[in-house]
Amino acid sequence: MKHKIGETAGKIWMLLEAKGELNIAQVPKLLREKSMVVYQAVGWLAREDKIELRKDATKIWISLAESEKRKKSG
């Protein structure tokens, strides 16, 4: 299971690199992955400071952390 979560974290990172900020609810559909695995992978990425989370009135948004964006361009 840990391998699957790590693999999904990598897919999320690449998705955010390609698309920018996303509503977290869209990610399981975009990756064709179970929500539980996606949310665990998001937690992994957040713990490692790879992503940023933003909440508005009704949704949670995720995007690459600024440090990750610099890696992409550098």
Protein backbone atom coordinates (compact mmCIF):
# COMPACT_ATOMS: atom_id res chain seq x y z
CA MET A 1 0.00 0.00 0.00
CA LYS A 2 2.84 2.38 0.84
CA HIS A 3 4.25 1.89 -2.66
CA LYS A 4 0.85 2.74 -4.22
CA ILE A 5 0.55 5.91 -2.15
CA GLY A 6 4.06 7.01 -3.14
CA GLU A 7 3.37 6.27 -6.79
CA THR A 8 0.15 8.27 -6.62
CA ALA A 9 2.00 11.15 -4.93
CA GLY A 10 4.31 11.28 -7.94
CA LYS A 11 1.35 11.32 -10.32
CA ILE A 12 -0.25 14.16 -8.34
CA TRP A 13 2.99 16.15 -8.47
CA MET A 14 3.17 15.74 -12.25
CA LEU A 15 -0.53 16.63 -12.62
CA LEU A 16 -0.05 19.84 -10.63
CA GLU A 17 3.06 20.67 -12.63
CA ALA A 18 1.05 20.35 -15.86
CA LYS A 19 -2.25 21.93 -14.79
CA GLY A 20 -1.48 24.24 -11.88
CA GLU A 21 -3.88 24.64 -8.98
CA LEU A 22 -6.69 22.06 -8.79
CA ASN A 23 -9.73 21.42 -6.66
CA ILE A 24 -8.74 18.41 -4.57
CA ALA A 25 -12.05 16.70 -5.42
CA GLN A 26 -11.05 16.61 -9.12
CA VAL A 27 -7.82 14.71 -8.58
CA PRO A 28 -9.19 11.15 -8.12
CA LYS A 29 -11.15 11.46 -11.38
CA LEU A 30 -8.24 12.97 -13.28
CA LEU A 31 -5.91 10.19 -12.11
CA ARG A 32 -8.54 7.44 -12.24
CA GLU A 33 -7.58 6.48 -8.73
CA LYS A 34 -9.50 5.76 -5.51
CA SER A 35 -10.15 8.85 -3.39
CA MET A 36 -8.66 7.22 -0.29
CA VAL A 37 -5.31 6.66 -2.03
CA VAL A 38 -5.30 10.17 -3.52
CA TYR A 39 -5.98 11.82 -0.17
CA GLN A 40 -3.25 9.76 1.51
CA ALA A 41 -0.83 10.81 -1.25
CA VAL A 42 -1.86 14.46 -0.82
CA GLY A 43 -1.07 14.12 2.90
CA TRP A 44 2.34 12.67 2.03
CA LEU A 45 3.09 15.57 -0.32
CA ALA A 46 1.86 18.13 2.21
CA ARG A 47 4.00 16.61 4.97
CA GLU A 48 7.05 16.87 2.72
CA ASP A 49 6.22 20.51 1.84
CA LYS A 50 5.83 19.63 -1.85
CA ILE A 51 2.35 21.14 -2.17
CA GLU A 52 0.29 23.99 -0.79
CA LEU A 53 -3.33 23.69 0.27
CA ARG A 54 -5.83 26.53 0.17
CA LYS A 55 -9.41 26.48 1.40
CA ASP A 56 -12.17 28.79 0.25
CA ALA A 57 -15.80 28.76 1.38
CA THR A 58 -16.61 25.34 -0.07
CA LYS A 59 -13.52 23.76 -1.67
CA ILE A 60 -9.94 22.77 -0.98
CA TRP A 61 -7.37 23.63 -3.64
CA ILE A 62 -3.92 22.14 -4.06
CA SER A 63 -0.90 23.41 -5.99
CA LEU A 64 2.82 22.86 -6.08
CA ALA A 65 4.76 24.64 -3.36
CA GLU A 66 6.86 27.58 -4.55
CA SER A 67 10.04 25.59 -3.87
CA GLU A 68 8.79 22.85 -6.20
CA LYS A 69 7.92 25.36 -8.93
CA ARG A 70 11.50 26.65 -8.78
CA LYS A 71 12.84 23.11 -9.19
CA LYS A 72 10.71 22.76 -12.30
CA SER A 73 12.06 25.93 -13.89
CA GLY A 74 15.62 25.59 -12.60
